[in-house]
Amino acid sequence: METTGFTENQLMVREAISQVCAKFPNTYWQEHDQDGTDPKDFHAALAADGWLGVALPEAYGGAGLGISEATIMMQTIAESGAGMAGAQAIHANVYATQPLAKFGTKEQLEETIPKIISGEWRTCFGVTEPNAGLNTLALATAAKKQGDDTYSITGQKIWITCAQVASKMILLARTKAADEAPKPSQALSLFCIDVDKSNPGLEIKRIKKMGGHAVDANEVFFDNYRIPASTLIGKEGQGFKIILDGMNAERCLLAGEALGLGYAALAKAAGYARERKVFNRPIGMNQGIAHPLADAYMNLEAAKLATYHAARLYDASTTDSSIRQDVVGIAANSAKYLAAEAAFKACERAMLSHGGMGYAAEYDVERWFRECMVPRIAPVSREMILNYVSEKVLELPRSY
C-alpha cells in the first residue's frame, strides 16, 4: 500500500505493528484457521508492546493516540496475512473499551483498563441478539435491579466474538420496558461485567462459521446472572447513547481491517501473476488477469482515502465542536461500505487469478476470501448503510 500522505504517528504505528506481525507468518494463521485455536501468542505479543491500548488514555497505560492510528494498526494486522482473524482477535479490546474509557467511573477504569492493555484480561462486546439484529432498540436481554445492590441478567446474545477467551464483557441490556422510559432509547443501559464461566447462570456456545476459525464467535445465554450494580457504565438509560458515541470509531476500524485484507489478497495475486507461466509467458501479461487486479487496486485506494478521511474527522471532532457528528457518521459509514466492497472485489479476483491453486489452503487467498464477507455484514449491513445515506444525505423517506 502506498503510504504517502500519512502522518508521522501513523507511519510509526505501521512500522511497529509490521515488526510484531512479521513474527507470525501465514503458516501460523493457516494452522490456527484449520485447528480453530485462538491466536493467544499473537495477542500476547501485541500486549507486550503496549498496542492493545493504542487509543486508550495514557493515564491508565494506553498510548493516547487516535482512531486514525488505531485504524492503521488494524489495517496493518490484516494486511500482514493475519486477515480478519488476526484483526478480530484484538478488535474488541480496541473498540469495546472506548465507551468504558469515556464514560466509566474512576474505579472502573483503574480496575479494568490496565489489565486489558497488559493482556491479562480480554474483552468482548455483548450487543447483538438473535431476535433483534440491527434493531438494537428491540433487544430483550433484561437487567433487573435487585435489593442487594446487584442486577440480575436474563436473556441471549449472539455473534459475540472472543467470549470463550474473554474475562470481561461490555454488555448492553434492557433496564426498563420501552413504554416505561421517556424514549425507547432510554430503556437500555451499559455494563462492564465479568465473564464467569463457572457461574451456572452463564452459558457460552461456540458457533461454527464460514471463516475466521481462529477467533471464536458465540451465543451467550444469561439466566439470573448476578452482577454488581457498580458495573453500570454511566447512568441507567444512557446505554444506547453511549454505544452510539463509539459506533463511528468502529466503522473506521472495520474499514481499516477490510483494506488490509484486500491489499493482502491483491499483493498475493499480483505476485502469483508475475511468476505463474502458462503458454511460456507470465499470466500477468494477459489483460484478463492484469485489468481486474488493477481495477481492484484503484478501488482499494479510493476506499483508503475515504477511510482515513473519516478517521481524521472522528479524531478532530473530539476537540473541534464545529465538526458535526452527523458529518462524521456519514463519512464513517461510507468508508466502511466502500472498504468492504473493495476488499470483496480484491479477494474474489485474487482467488480467480490463482485459478485452481486459489482453492488450496497453502496459497492463503481462499482463507481471505472466506473472511471478506465479515466487513460486508458486520457490524452493520451494506443495506443499512445505504438506507442511512439515503435518509441523512439525500433526504429521502425512511424505508424502515
Protein backbone atom coordinates (compact mmCIF):
# COMPACT_ATOMS: atom_id res chain seq x y z
CA MET A 1 0.00 0.00 0.00
CA GLU A 2 1.24 3.49 -0.83
CA THR A 3 1.75 5.46 2.40
CA THR A 4 2.48 8.92 1.02
CA GLY A 5 0.47 11.49 2.97
CA PHE A 6 0.17 9.55 6.20
CA THR A 7 1.23 11.26 9.43
CA GLU A 8 4.43 10.51 11.30
CA ASN A 9 2.43 8.81 14.05
CA GLN A 10 0.56 6.63 11.58
CA LEU A 11 3.77 5.56 9.87
CA MET A 12 5.38 4.84 13.23
CA VAL A 13 2.43 2.64 14.19
CA ARG A 14 2.50 0.84 10.84
CA GLU A 15 6.21 0.09 11.13
CA ALA A 16 6.00 -1.12 14.73
CA ILE A 17 2.96 -3.33 14.08
CA SER A 18 4.60 -4.75 10.95
CA GLN A 19 7.56 -5.83 13.08
CA VAL A 20 5.28 -7.66 15.50
CA CYS A 21 3.29 -9.29 12.70
CA ALA A 22 6.46 -10.47 10.98
CA LYS A 23 6.87 -12.98 13.83
CA PHE A 24 3.57 -14.60 12.80
CA PRO A 25 3.83 -15.81 9.18
CA ASN A 26 0.97 -17.01 7.03
CA THR A 27 1.62 -20.60 8.14
CA TYR A 28 0.75 -19.55 11.72
CA TRP A 29 -2.63 -18.24 10.57
CA GLN A 30 -3.24 -21.24 8.32
CA GLU A 31 -2.71 -23.61 11.25
CA HIS A 32 -4.91 -21.63 13.62
CA ASP A 33 -7.63 -21.37 10.99
CA GLN A 34 -7.55 -25.10 10.34
CA ASP A 35 -7.40 -26.05 14.02
CA GLY A 36 -9.83 -23.39 15.22
CA THR A 37 -7.44 -22.38 18.00
CA ASP A 38 -7.16 -18.90 19.47
CA PRO A 39 -4.08 -16.87 18.42
CA LYS A 40 -3.15 -16.15 22.03
CA ASP A 41 0.55 -15.79 21.22
CA PHE A 42 -0.26 -13.02 18.75
CA HIS A 43 -2.50 -11.27 21.29
CA ALA A 44 0.24 -11.55 23.91
CA ALA A 45 2.87 -10.13 21.54
CA LEU A 46 0.77 -7.03 20.84
CA ALA A 47 0.04 -6.66 24.56
CA ALA A 48 3.72 -6.94 25.43
CA ASP A 49 4.48 -3.92 23.26
CA GLY A 50 1.50 -1.95 24.62
CA TRP A 51 -0.52 -1.87 21.39
CA LEU A 52 -3.81 -3.04 22.91
CA GLY A 53 -4.02 0.43 24.44
CA VAL A 54 -3.35 2.32 21.23
CA ALA A 55 -6.39 4.58 21.65
CA LEU A 56 -6.79 4.37 25.43
CA PRO A 57 -5.79 7.10 27.91
CA GLU A 58 -2.15 7.45 28.86
CA ALA A 59 -3.19 7.81 32.48
CA TYR A 60 -4.11 4.10 32.53
CA GLY A 61 -1.19 2.81 30.48
CA GLY A 62 -2.53 3.49 26.99
CA ALA A 63 -0.79 5.24 24.12
CA GLY A 64 -3.37 8.04 23.98
CA LEU A 65 -3.41 8.01 20.18
CA GLY A 66 -6.46 8.49 17.99
CA ILE A 67 -8.73 6.36 15.87
CA SER A 68 -6.58 7.29 12.85
CA GLU A 69 -3.66 5.45 14.42
CA ALA A 70 -5.86 2.58 15.64
CA THR A 71 -7.26 2.18 12.12
CA ILE A 72 -3.84 1.88 10.51
CA MET A 73 -2.88 -0.61 13.21
CA MET A 74 -5.86 -2.80 12.36
CA GLN A 75 -5.17 -2.46 8.64
CA THR A 76 -1.53 -3.44 9.10
CA ILE A 77 -2.51 -6.54 11.09
CA ALA A 78 -4.95 -7.75 8.43
CA GLU A 79 -2.54 -6.84 5.62
CA SER A 80 0.28 -8.85 7.19
CA GLY A 81 -1.52 -12.05 6.24
CA ALA A 82 -3.36 -12.40 9.55
CA GLY A 83 -6.53 -11.31 7.79
CA MET A 84 -9.76 -10.65 9.63
CA ALA A 85 -8.96 -13.35 12.18
CA GLY A 86 -5.88 -11.50 13.38
CA ALA A 87 -7.69 -8.19 13.50
CA GLN A 88 -10.77 -9.60 15.20
CA ALA A 89 -8.62 -11.23 17.87
CA ILE A 90 -7.98 -7.76 19.29
CA HIS A 91 -10.81 -5.71 17.75
CA ALA A 92 -12.98 -5.69 20.88
CA ASN A 93 -10.02 -4.76 23.08
CA VAL A 94 -9.52 -1.66 20.92
CA TYR A 95 -13.14 -0.72 20.22
CA ALA A 96 -15.31 -2.05 23.07
CA THR A 97 -13.12 -0.34 25.66
CA GLN A 98 -13.79 3.10 24.16
CA PRO A 99 -17.22 3.59 25.87
CA LEU A 100 -15.71 2.46 29.15
CA ALA A 101 -12.76 4.83 28.81
CA LYS A 102 -15.06 7.77 28.09
CA PHE A 103 -17.99 7.13 30.43
CA GLY A 104 -16.68 4.76 33.11
CA THR A 105 -16.01 5.68 36.71
CA LYS A 106 -12.50 6.18 38.01
CA GLU A 107 -12.78 2.87 39.88
CA GLN A 108 -13.92 1.01 36.74
CA LEU A 109 -11.10 2.46 34.70
CA GLU A 110 -8.41 1.74 37.28
CA GLU A 111 -9.58 -1.85 37.71
CA THR A 112 -10.19 -2.76 34.08
CA ILE A 113 -8.22 -0.70 31.54
CA PRO A 114 -4.66 -1.54 32.71
CA LYS A 115 -5.42 -5.28 32.74
CA ILE A 116 -6.86 -5.15 29.22
CA ILE A 117 -3.86 -3.21 27.94
CA SER A 118 -1.44 -5.65 29.57
CA GLY A 119 -3.25 -8.61 28.00
CA GLU A 120 -4.15 -10.14 31.37
CA TRP A 121 -7.82 -9.65 30.54
CA ARG A 122 -9.52 -9.88 27.18
CA THR A 123 -12.89 -8.38 26.48
CA CYS A 124 -15.91 -8.91 24.25
CA PHE A 125 -18.88 -6.78 23.24
CA GLY A 126 -22.37 -8.04 24.06
CA VAL A 127 -24.98 -6.21 21.98
CA THR A 128 -26.38 -8.33 19.12
CA GLU A 129 -29.37 -10.58 19.78
CA PRO A 130 -30.97 -13.27 17.60
CA ASN A 131 -34.41 -11.67 17.54
CA ALA A 132 -33.31 -8.04 17.26
CA GLY A 133 -30.44 -7.99 14.76
CA LEU A 134 -29.74 -4.43 13.67
CA ASN A 135 -32.81 -3.16 15.54
CA THR A 136 -30.87 -2.57 18.74
CA LEU A 137 -33.77 -0.81 20.46
CA ALA A 138 -35.70 -4.10 20.29
CA LEU A 139 -33.17 -6.12 22.28
CA ALA A 140 -34.71 -8.20 25.05
CA THR A 141 -31.87 -9.17 27.41
CA ALA A 142 -33.00 -7.70 30.72
CA ALA A 143 -31.00 -6.33 33.64
CA LYS A 144 -33.30 -6.13 36.67
CA LYS A 145 -32.17 -4.19 39.73
CA GLN A 146 -32.26 -6.29 42.89
CA GLY A 147 -32.48 -5.24 46.51
CA ASP A 148 -28.93 -6.32 47.34
CA ASP A 149 -27.24 -3.75 45.09
CA THR A 150 -26.98 -6.15 42.15
CA TYR A 151 -28.62 -6.66 38.78
CA SER A 152 -29.99 -9.96 37.53
CA ILE A 153 -29.28 -10.55 33.82
CA THR A 154 -31.53 -12.83 31.79
CA GLY A 155 -31.52 -13.17 28.01
CA GLN A 156 -29.46 -14.16 25.00
CA LYS A 157 -26.75 -12.58 22.88
CA ILE A 158 -25.35 -13.87 19.58
CA TRP A 159 -22.25 -13.40 17.42
CA ILE A 160 -20.19 -12.40 20.44
CA THR A 161 -16.57 -12.55 19.31
CA CYS A 162 -13.93 -13.88 21.75
CA ALA A 163 -16.44 -14.69 24.50
CA GLN A 164 -14.66 -18.03 25.01
CA VAL A 165 -11.42 -16.29 25.99
CA ALA A 166 -12.77 -13.05 27.46
CA SER A 167 -12.65 -12.08 31.12
CA LYS A 168 -14.85 -9.00 30.64
CA MET A 169 -17.89 -8.14 28.54
CA ILE A 170 -19.27 -4.72 27.69
CA LEU A 171 -22.97 -5.59 27.86
CA LEU A 172 -25.96 -3.65 26.59
CA ALA A 173 -29.15 -4.71 28.38
CA ARG A 174 -32.69 -3.53 28.98
CA THR A 175 -33.25 -1.88 32.37
CA LYS A 176 -36.81 -0.73 31.56
CA ALA A 177 -39.59 -1.74 29.24
CA ALA A 178 -39.67 0.51 26.18
CA ASP A 179 -43.02 2.01 27.15
CA GLU A 180 -41.81 2.79 30.68
CA ALA A 181 -38.99 5.07 29.53
CA PRO A 182 -39.34 8.65 28.20
CA LYS A 183 -37.97 7.29 24.91
CA PRO A 184 -37.30 3.69 23.79
CA SER A 185 -33.61 4.60 23.53
CA GLN A 186 -33.58 5.46 27.24
CA ALA A 187 -34.61 1.96 28.28
CA LEU A 188 -31.16 0.45 27.72
CA SER A 189 -28.08 0.53 29.94
CA LEU A 190 -24.43 -0.44 29.52
CA PHE A 191 -22.41 -2.60 31.90
CA CYS A 192 -18.83 -3.83 32.21
CA ILE A 193 -19.26 -7.32 33.63
CA ASP A 194 -17.16 -10.35 34.50
CA VAL A 195 -17.41 -13.34 32.18
CA ASP A 196 -17.54 -16.03 34.87
CA LYS A 197 -17.76 -19.32 33.01
CA SER A 198 -18.07 -21.27 36.27
CA ASN A 199 -21.35 -19.49 37.08
CA PRO A 200 -24.39 -21.69 36.24
CA GLY A 201 -26.24 -18.55 35.15
CA LEU A 202 -23.92 -18.12 32.16
CA GLU A 203 -23.62 -20.44 29.15
CA ILE A 204 -21.44 -19.80 26.09
CA LYS A 205 -21.84 -21.85 22.90
CA ARG A 206 -19.39 -21.56 20.04
CA ILE A 207 -20.86 -21.04 16.56
CA LYS A 208 -19.42 -22.94 13.60
CA LYS A 209 -18.83 -20.41 10.88
CA MET A 210 -17.56 -19.89 7.34
CA GLY A 211 -14.26 -18.12 8.05
CA GLY A 212 -12.06 -16.69 10.76
CA HIS A 213 -11.97 -20.05 12.53
CA ALA A 214 -9.10 -18.95 14.77
CA VAL A 215 -11.40 -16.49 16.54
CA ASP A 216 -14.48 -17.78 18.34
CA ALA A 217 -17.98 -16.39 17.77
CA ASN A 218 -20.66 -17.36 20.23
CA GLU A 219 -24.17 -17.49 21.53
CA VAL A 220 -24.25 -16.29 25.13
CA PHE A 221 -27.11 -17.23 27.45
CA PHE A 222 -27.83 -15.46 30.75
CA ASP A 223 -30.18 -16.95 33.33
CA ASN A 224 -30.45 -14.87 36.50
CA TYR A 225 -26.77 -14.00 36.15
CA ARG A 226 -25.96 -11.64 39.00
CA ILE A 227 -23.68 -8.64 38.53
CA PRO A 228 -22.79 -5.84 40.97
CA ALA A 229 -24.59 -2.51 40.48
CA SER A 230 -21.12 -0.93 40.33
CA THR A 231 -20.64 -2.48 36.86
CA LEU A 232 -23.06 0.06 35.35
CA ILE A 233 -21.29 2.40 32.89
CA GLY A 234 -22.68 5.92 33.12
CA LYS A 235 -26.28 6.08 34.31
CA GLU A 236 -29.29 3.85 33.77
CA GLY A 237 -30.94 4.59 30.45
CA GLN A 238 -27.79 6.01 28.83
CA GLY A 239 -26.56 2.76 27.29
CA PHE A 240 -27.82 3.30 23.76
CA LYS A 241 -26.45 6.85 23.67
CA ILE A 242 -23.09 5.65 24.94
CA ILE A 243 -22.65 2.93 22.32
CA LEU A 244 -23.76 5.33 19.56
CA ASP A 245 -20.89 7.57 20.61
CA GLY A 246 -18.41 4.86 19.61
CA MET A 247 -20.07 3.37 16.53
CA ASN A 248 -18.35 5.73 14.12
CA ALA A 249 -15.00 4.66 15.54
CA GLU A 250 -15.82 1.02 14.92
CA ARG A 251 -16.84 1.79 11.34
CA CYS A 252 -13.35 3.24 10.80
CA LEU A 253 -11.63 0.24 12.39
CA LEU A 254 -13.64 -2.22 10.28
CA ALA A 255 -12.84 -0.23 7.16
CA GLY A 256 -9.14 -0.44 8.00
CA GLU A 257 -9.37 -4.19 8.54
CA ALA A 258 -11.15 -4.62 5.21
CA LEU A 259 -8.49 -2.57 3.46
CA GLY A 260 -5.74 -4.72 4.94
CA LEU A 261 -7.47 -7.87 3.79
CA GLY A 262 -7.91 -6.50 0.27
CA TYR A 263 -4.32 -5.30 -0.05
CA ALA A 264 -3.01 -8.66 1.20
CA ALA A 265 -5.07 -10.57 -1.35
CA LEU A 266 -4.10 -8.21 -4.16
CA ALA A 267 -0.38 -8.45 -3.36
CA LYS A 268 -0.60 -12.24 -3.36
CA ALA A 269 -2.43 -12.28 -6.67
CA ALA A 270 -0.01 -9.87 -8.34
CA GLY A 271 2.96 -11.91 -7.15
CA TYR A 272 1.41 -15.09 -8.48
CA ALA A 273 0.54 -13.43 -11.81
CA ARG A 274 4.15 -12.35 -12.26
CA GLU A 275 5.56 -15.82 -11.54
CA ARG A 276 2.99 -18.24 -12.92
CA LYS A 277 3.70 -19.13 -16.55
CA VAL A 278 1.24 -20.64 -18.99
CA PHE A 279 1.99 -20.95 -22.71
CA ASN A 280 5.54 -19.77 -21.96
CA ARG A 281 4.53 -16.37 -20.59
CA PRO A 282 3.54 -14.95 -17.19
CA ILE A 283 -0.23 -14.92 -16.83
CA GLY A 284 0.05 -11.29 -15.69
CA MET A 285 0.78 -10.36 -19.32
CA ASN A 286 -2.83 -11.22 -20.09
CA GLN A 287 -5.19 -8.29 -19.71
CA GLY A 288 -7.84 -10.70 -18.47
CA ILE A 289 -5.67 -11.06 -15.34
CA ALA A 290 -4.00 -7.65 -15.21
CA HIS A 291 -7.01 -5.38 -15.67
CA PRO A 292 -9.22 -6.87 -12.93
CA LEU A 293 -6.31 -6.60 -10.49
CA ALA A 294 -5.60 -3.01 -11.50
CA ASP A 295 -9.27 -2.19 -11.05
CA ALA A 296 -9.23 -3.80 -7.59
CA TYR A 297 -6.19 -1.72 -6.64
CA MET A 298 -7.89 1.54 -7.61
CA ASN A 299 -10.98 0.59 -5.63
CA LEU A 300 -8.84 -0.09 -2.58
CA GLU A 301 -7.01 3.22 -2.97
CA ALA A 302 -10.30 5.12 -3.21
CA ALA A 303 -11.64 3.33 -0.14
CA LYS A 304 -8.37 4.11 1.67
CA LEU A 305 -8.90 7.82 1.11
CA ALA A 306 -12.47 7.60 2.41
CA THR A 307 -11.38 5.57 5.45
CA TYR A 308 -8.64 7.88 6.67
CA HIS A 309 -10.75 10.95 5.90
CA ALA A 310 -13.43 9.52 8.22
CA ALA A 311 -10.87 8.64 10.90
CA ARG A 312 -9.39 12.16 10.78
CA LEU A 313 -12.86 13.68 11.09
CA TYR A 314 -13.64 11.44 14.05
CA ASP A 315 -10.44 12.42 15.87
CA ALA A 316 -10.82 16.11 15.08
CA SER A 317 -14.44 16.11 16.28
CA THR A 318 -13.31 15.24 19.81
CA THR A 319 -11.78 18.72 20.14
CA ASP A 320 -13.50 20.73 17.39
CA SER A 321 -17.19 21.34 18.07
CA SER A 322 -17.70 22.73 14.57
CA ILE A 323 -17.41 19.18 13.16
CA ARG A 324 -20.92 17.78 13.41
CA GLN A 325 -21.44 14.17 14.43
CA ASP A 326 -23.80 13.55 11.52
CA VAL A 327 -20.96 14.52 9.16
CA VAL A 328 -18.65 12.08 10.94
CA GLY A 329 -21.34 9.40 10.77
CA ILE A 330 -21.82 9.79 7.03
CA ALA A 331 -18.06 9.66 6.42
CA ALA A 332 -17.52 6.63 8.68
CA ASN A 333 -20.41 4.64 7.24
CA SER A 334 -19.39 5.49 3.68
CA ALA A 335 -15.82 4.40 4.40
CA LYS A 336 -16.91 1.09 5.88
CA TYR A 337 -19.15 0.39 2.89
CA LEU A 338 -16.51 1.29 0.30
CA ALA A 339 -13.70 -0.60 2.03
CA ALA A 340 -15.82 -3.73 2.46
CA GLU A 341 -16.80 -3.74 -1.21
CA ALA A 342 -13.23 -3.08 -2.34
CA ALA A 343 -11.93 -5.90 -0.14
CA PHE A 344 -14.51 -8.32 -1.51
CA LYS A 345 -13.58 -7.46 -5.09
CA ALA A 346 -9.85 -7.83 -4.36
CA CYS A 347 -10.29 -11.18 -2.58
CA GLU A 348 -12.55 -12.58 -5.29
CA ARG A 349 -10.17 -11.55 -8.05
CA ALA A 350 -7.20 -12.93 -6.14
CA MET A 351 -8.98 -16.28 -5.98
CA LEU A 352 -9.78 -16.22 -9.69
CA SER A 353 -6.26 -15.13 -10.65
CA HIS A 354 -4.87 -18.18 -8.88
CA GLY A 355 -7.18 -20.49 -10.78
CA GLY A 356 -7.34 -23.94 -9.18
CA MET A 357 -4.48 -23.09 -6.82
CA GLY A 358 -6.66 -20.44 -5.26
CA TYR A 359 -8.72 -23.26 -3.78
CA ALA A 360 -5.69 -24.62 -1.92
CA ALA A 361 -5.17 -23.52 1.69
CA GLU A 362 -1.42 -23.08 1.24
CA TYR A 363 -1.95 -20.06 -1.04
CA ASP A 364 -3.96 -18.17 1.63
CA VAL A 365 -6.37 -16.48 -0.77
CA GLU A 366 -9.15 -18.98 -0.01
CA ARG A 367 -8.84 -18.10 3.69
CA TRP A 368 -9.03 -14.40 2.97
CA PHE A 369 -11.95 -14.92 0.59
CA ARG A 370 -13.88 -16.72 3.34
CA GLU A 371 -13.18 -13.82 5.68
CA CYS A 372 -14.02 -10.98 3.31
CA MET A 373 -17.75 -11.35 3.92
CA VAL A 374 -17.34 -10.16 7.51
CA PRO A 375 -16.87 -6.44 6.80
CA ARG A 376 -19.78 -6.54 4.34
CA ILE A 377 -22.11 -7.86 7.04
CA ALA A 378 -20.81 -6.59 10.36
CA PRO A 379 -21.27 -4.55 12.44
CA VAL A 380 -23.88 -3.11 10.10
CA SER A 381 -25.01 -4.45 6.74
CA ARG A 382 -24.41 -2.79 3.40
CA GLU A 383 -28.12 -2.26 3.00
CA MET A 384 -28.48 -0.38 6.29
CA ILE A 385 -25.61 1.92 5.31
CA LEU A 386 -27.38 2.63 2.01
CA ASN A 387 -30.56 3.34 3.98
CA TYR A 388 -28.61 5.70 6.25
CA VAL A 389 -27.05 7.66 3.39
CA SER A 390 -30.36 7.79 1.51
CA GLU A 391 -32.05 9.34 4.53
CA LYS A 392 -29.31 11.54 6.00
CA VAL A 393 -27.66 12.82 2.82
CA LEU A 394 -30.25 12.59 0.08
CA GLU A 395 -33.18 13.38 2.43
CA LEU A 396 -35.22 10.50 1.03
CA PRO A 397 -38.08 8.99 3.06
CA ARG A 398 -37.01 6.44 5.64
CA SER A 399 -37.74 2.91 4.45
CA TYR A 400 -37.75 1.00 7.72
